Amino acid sequence: MPVDKSTAEFAYKILKNLPKDIPAPQPTMSGDGEIGLTWYKHADYLDASIDADGYLVWSLKTGNDFLGGDVLNLGDGADFTNLFDALASFYQ
């Protein structure tokens, strides 16, 4: 299944609003139409997945721990504060 236009637009919106002190993620596309964005720091990572239904789900792996992230509705007025705060803490 190809990535649809709205999913690509959601990814673009996140990247466009990414704080300047956060590096760009490694993007991937899955066979089911999702876009993945992964930020790495050594063996640790924050992984976000944007699905075709307009939701972003993210989680964090640090050391041997997997930490729950959040689910964001990417509809009009989407607030990326939780994701961007997690990324800022991740890169401290």
N, C-alpha and C. Protein backbone atom coordinates (compact mmCIF):
# COMPACT_ATOMS: atom_id res chain seq x y z
N MET A 1 0.86 -1.17 0.00
CA MET A 1 0.00 0.00 0.00
C MET A 1 0.91 1.24 0.00
N PRO A 2 0.74 2.13 -0.93
CA PRO A 2 1.58 3.33 -0.96
C PRO A 2 1.17 4.32 0.14
N VAL A 3 2.09 5.19 0.49
CA VAL A 3 1.80 6.26 1.45
C VAL A 3 0.86 7.26 0.78
N ASP A 4 -0.22 7.61 1.45
CA ASP A 4 -1.13 8.58 0.84
C ASP A 4 -0.68 10.01 1.13
N LYS A 5 -1.27 10.92 0.40
CA LYS A 5 -0.87 12.34 0.47
C LYS A 5 -1.01 12.91 1.88
N SER A 6 -2.10 12.59 2.57
CA SER A 6 -2.31 13.19 3.90
C SER A 6 -1.26 12.70 4.90
N THR A 7 -0.85 11.43 4.80
CA THR A 7 0.19 10.91 5.69
C THR A 7 1.51 11.63 5.43
N ALA A 8 1.84 11.83 4.17
CA ALA A 8 3.07 12.56 3.81
C ALA A 8 2.99 14.00 4.30
N GLU A 9 1.83 14.61 4.21
CA GLU A 9 1.66 15.99 4.70
C GLU A 9 1.83 16.07 6.21
N PHE A 10 1.34 15.07 6.94
CA PHE A 10 1.53 15.04 8.40
C PHE A 10 3.02 14.96 8.73
N ALA A 11 3.75 14.10 8.02
CA ALA A 11 5.19 13.98 8.26
C ALA A 11 5.89 15.30 7.96
N TYR A 12 5.53 15.94 6.88
CA TYR A 12 6.13 17.23 6.53
C TYR A 12 5.85 18.27 7.61
N LYS A 13 4.64 18.28 8.13
CA LYS A 13 4.25 19.25 9.17
C LYS A 13 5.11 19.06 10.43
N ILE A 14 5.33 17.81 10.81
CA ILE A 14 6.18 17.53 11.98
C ILE A 14 7.60 18.01 11.73
N LEU A 15 8.15 17.66 10.57
CA LEU A 15 9.53 18.05 10.26
C LEU A 15 9.68 19.56 10.14
N LYS A 16 8.69 20.21 9.57
CA LYS A 16 8.73 21.67 9.41
C LYS A 16 8.73 22.37 10.77
N ASN A 17 8.04 21.80 11.74
CA ASN A 17 7.93 22.42 13.06
C ASN A 17 8.94 21.89 14.07
N LEU A 18 9.79 20.98 13.64
CA LEU A 18 10.80 20.41 14.54
C LEU A 18 11.72 21.51 15.07
N PRO A 19 11.91 21.59 16.39
CA PRO A 19 12.81 22.61 16.93
C PRO A 19 14.21 22.51 16.30
N LYS A 20 14.84 23.63 16.10
CA LYS A 20 16.12 23.70 15.41
C LYS A 20 17.23 22.91 16.10
N ASP A 21 17.14 22.72 17.42
CA ASP A 21 18.19 22.00 18.14
C ASP A 21 17.99 20.48 18.14
N ILE A 22 16.94 20.00 17.47
CA ILE A 22 16.68 18.57 17.36
C ILE A 22 17.11 18.12 15.96
N PRO A 23 17.96 17.10 15.86
CA PRO A 23 18.38 16.64 14.54
C PRO A 23 17.22 16.01 13.75
N ALA A 24 17.38 15.98 12.46
CA ALA A 24 16.37 15.35 11.60
C ALA A 24 16.35 13.84 11.88
N PRO A 25 15.18 13.24 11.80
CA PRO A 25 15.07 11.79 12.02
C PRO A 25 15.45 11.01 10.77
N GLN A 26 15.58 9.71 10.97
CA GLN A 26 15.71 8.80 9.83
C GLN A 26 14.30 8.39 9.42
N PRO A 27 13.88 8.75 8.21
CA PRO A 27 12.53 8.39 7.78
C PRO A 27 12.50 7.00 7.14
N THR A 28 11.37 6.32 7.29
CA THR A 28 11.14 5.03 6.63
C THR A 28 9.68 4.99 6.20
N MET A 29 9.40 4.16 5.22
CA MET A 29 8.02 3.94 4.79
C MET A 29 7.72 2.45 4.90
N SER A 30 6.56 2.13 5.42
CA SER A 30 6.20 0.73 5.58
C SER A 30 5.27 0.31 4.44
N GLY A 31 5.12 -0.97 4.30
CA GLY A 31 4.26 -1.52 3.26
C GLY A 31 2.78 -1.29 3.49
N ASP A 32 2.42 -0.86 4.71
CA ASP A 32 1.00 -0.61 4.98
C ASP A 32 0.65 0.88 4.96
N GLY A 33 1.52 1.68 4.33
CA GLY A 33 1.21 3.10 4.13
C GLY A 33 1.61 4.02 5.27
N GLU A 34 2.33 3.52 6.26
CA GLU A 34 2.78 4.36 7.38
C GLU A 34 4.13 4.98 7.07
N ILE A 35 4.40 6.09 7.72
CA ILE A 35 5.72 6.72 7.66
C ILE A 35 6.30 6.64 9.06
N GLY A 36 7.52 6.13 9.15
CA GLY A 36 8.23 6.07 10.41
C GLY A 36 9.27 7.17 10.47
N LEU A 37 9.43 7.75 11.65
CA LEU A 37 10.47 8.75 11.92
C LEU A 37 11.22 8.26 13.15
N THR A 38 12.52 8.05 13.02
CA THR A 38 13.31 7.53 14.13
C THR A 38 14.49 8.43 14.40
N TRP A 39 14.61 8.83 15.66
CA TRP A 39 15.73 9.64 16.11
C TRP A 39 16.65 8.73 16.93
N TYR A 40 17.93 8.74 16.61
CA TYR A 40 18.90 7.88 17.29
C TYR A 40 19.87 8.71 18.13
N LYS A 41 20.27 8.11 19.24
CA LYS A 41 21.38 8.62 20.05
C LYS A 41 22.10 7.39 20.57
N HIS A 42 23.19 7.06 19.90
CA HIS A 42 23.93 5.83 20.19
C HIS A 42 23.00 4.63 19.99
N ALA A 43 22.84 3.77 20.97
CA ALA A 43 21.96 2.60 20.83
C ALA A 43 20.52 2.92 21.23
N ASP A 44 20.26 4.12 21.69
CA ASP A 44 18.93 4.52 22.12
C ASP A 44 18.18 5.17 20.95
N TYR A 45 16.86 5.16 21.02
CA TYR A 45 16.10 5.79 19.95
C TYR A 45 14.71 6.18 20.40
N LEU A 46 14.16 7.15 19.72
CA LEU A 46 12.76 7.53 19.84
C LEU A 46 12.15 7.24 18.47
N ASP A 47 11.11 6.42 18.47
CA ASP A 47 10.50 5.96 17.23
C ASP A 47 9.07 6.47 17.15
N ALA A 48 8.73 7.11 16.03
CA ALA A 48 7.37 7.61 15.81
C ALA A 48 6.83 7.02 14.52
N SER A 49 5.56 6.67 14.52
CA SER A 49 4.91 6.10 13.35
C SER A 49 3.66 6.91 13.05
N ILE A 50 3.55 7.36 11.80
CA ILE A 50 2.39 8.13 11.36
C ILE A 50 1.54 7.20 10.50
N ASP A 51 0.31 6.97 10.94
CA ASP A 51 -0.54 6.07 10.17
C ASP A 51 -1.48 6.83 9.25
N ALA A 52 -2.07 6.11 8.34
CA ALA A 52 -2.94 6.72 7.33
C ALA A 52 -4.22 7.30 7.93
N ASP A 53 -4.54 6.94 9.17
CA ASP A 53 -5.74 7.46 9.83
C ASP A 53 -5.50 8.80 10.51
N GLY A 54 -4.26 9.32 10.42
CA GLY A 54 -3.99 10.63 10.99
C GLY A 54 -3.56 10.60 12.45
N TYR A 55 -2.96 9.52 12.87
CA TYR A 55 -2.44 9.42 14.23
C TYR A 55 -0.95 9.17 14.21
N LEU A 56 -0.27 9.71 15.19
CA LEU A 56 1.15 9.46 15.39
C LEU A 56 1.31 8.75 16.73
N VAL A 57 2.02 7.65 16.72
CA VAL A 57 2.30 6.89 17.93
C VAL A 57 3.81 6.87 18.10
N TRP A 58 4.27 7.23 19.30
CA TRP A 58 5.72 7.22 19.52
C TRP A 58 6.06 6.54 20.84
N SER A 59 7.28 6.00 20.87
CA SER A 59 7.81 5.37 22.07
C SER A 59 9.32 5.60 22.10
N LEU A 60 9.92 5.29 23.23
CA LEU A 60 11.32 5.60 23.48
C LEU A 60 12.03 4.37 24.04
N LYS A 61 13.22 4.10 23.52
CA LYS A 61 14.05 3.03 24.07
C LYS A 61 15.35 3.66 24.57
N THR A 62 15.61 3.50 25.86
CA THR A 62 16.87 3.96 26.44
C THR A 62 17.45 2.81 27.25
N GLY A 63 18.70 2.48 26.94
CA GLY A 63 19.32 1.34 27.59
C GLY A 63 18.51 0.09 27.30
N ASN A 64 18.13 -0.62 28.35
CA ASN A 64 17.30 -1.82 28.18
C ASN A 64 15.82 -1.54 28.42
N ASP A 65 15.47 -0.27 28.58
CA ASP A 65 14.10 0.11 28.91
C ASP A 65 13.35 0.64 27.71
N PHE A 66 12.12 0.17 27.56
CA PHE A 66 11.21 0.73 26.57
C PHE A 66 10.18 1.54 27.34
N LEU A 67 10.10 2.81 27.03
CA LEU A 67 9.21 3.71 27.75
C LEU A 67 8.03 4.07 26.87
N GLY A 68 6.85 4.02 27.44
CA GLY A 68 5.66 4.41 26.68
C GLY A 68 5.76 5.86 26.25
N GLY A 69 5.24 6.14 25.12
CA GLY A 69 5.25 7.50 24.61
C GLY A 69 3.86 8.09 24.66
N ASP A 70 3.30 8.32 23.49
CA ASP A 70 2.00 8.97 23.43
C ASP A 70 1.37 8.66 22.08
N VAL A 71 0.09 8.94 21.98
CA VAL A 71 -0.64 8.87 20.72
C VAL A 71 -1.17 10.27 20.45
N LEU A 72 -0.85 10.80 19.28
CA LEU A 72 -1.27 12.15 18.93
C LEU A 72 -2.22 12.10 17.74
N ASN A 73 -3.33 12.82 17.85
CA ASN A 73 -4.24 13.00 16.73
C ASN A 73 -3.67 14.14 15.89
N LEU A 74 -3.38 13.87 14.64
CA LEU A 74 -2.73 14.85 13.79
C LEU A 74 -3.70 15.71 13.00
N GLY A 75 -4.94 15.74 13.42
CA GLY A 75 -5.94 16.57 12.74
C GLY A 75 -5.60 18.05 12.88
N ASP A 76 -6.49 18.89 12.41
CA ASP A 76 -6.27 20.33 12.47
C ASP A 76 -5.92 20.77 13.89
N GLY A 77 -4.92 21.59 14.00
CA GLY A 77 -4.49 22.09 15.30
C GLY A 77 -3.71 21.10 16.12
N ALA A 78 -3.09 20.12 15.47
CA ALA A 78 -2.31 19.11 16.20
C ALA A 78 -1.23 19.79 17.03
N ASP A 79 -1.06 19.30 18.24
CA ASP A 79 -0.07 19.85 19.17
C ASP A 79 1.05 18.83 19.33
N PHE A 80 2.25 19.21 18.91
CA PHE A 80 3.41 18.33 18.97
C PHE A 80 4.24 18.54 20.23
N THR A 81 3.74 19.29 21.19
CA THR A 81 4.52 19.64 22.37
C THR A 81 5.07 18.41 23.09
N ASN A 82 4.25 17.40 23.32
CA ASN A 82 4.72 16.21 24.04
C ASN A 82 5.85 15.51 23.29
N LEU A 83 5.70 15.37 21.98
CA LEU A 83 6.75 14.75 21.17
C LEU A 83 8.02 15.57 21.20
N PHE A 84 7.91 16.88 21.00
CA PHE A 84 9.09 17.73 20.97
C PHE A 84 9.76 17.83 22.34
N ASP A 85 8.98 17.83 23.41
CA ASP A 85 9.56 17.81 24.76
C ASP A 85 10.31 16.51 25.01
N ALA A 86 9.74 15.40 24.56
CA ALA A 86 10.42 14.09 24.72
C ALA A 86 11.73 14.08 23.93
N LEU A 87 11.71 14.64 22.73
CA LEU A 87 12.94 14.71 21.92
C LEU A 87 13.99 15.59 22.57
N ALA A 88 13.57 16.72 23.14
CA ALA A 88 14.52 17.60 23.81
C ALA A 88 15.17 16.89 25.00
N SER A 89 14.37 16.16 25.78
CA SER A 89 14.91 15.40 26.92
C SER A 89 15.82 14.29 26.44
N PHE A 90 15.44 13.63 25.35
CA PHE A 90 16.21 12.54 24.79
C PHE A 90 17.62 13.00 24.39
N TYR A 91 17.73 14.20 23.86
CA TYR A 91 19.04 14.69 23.39
C TYR A 91 19.81 15.48 24.43
N GLN A 92 19.33 15.55 25.67
CA GLN A 92 20.09 16.25 26.73
C GLN A 92 21.29 15.45 27.14
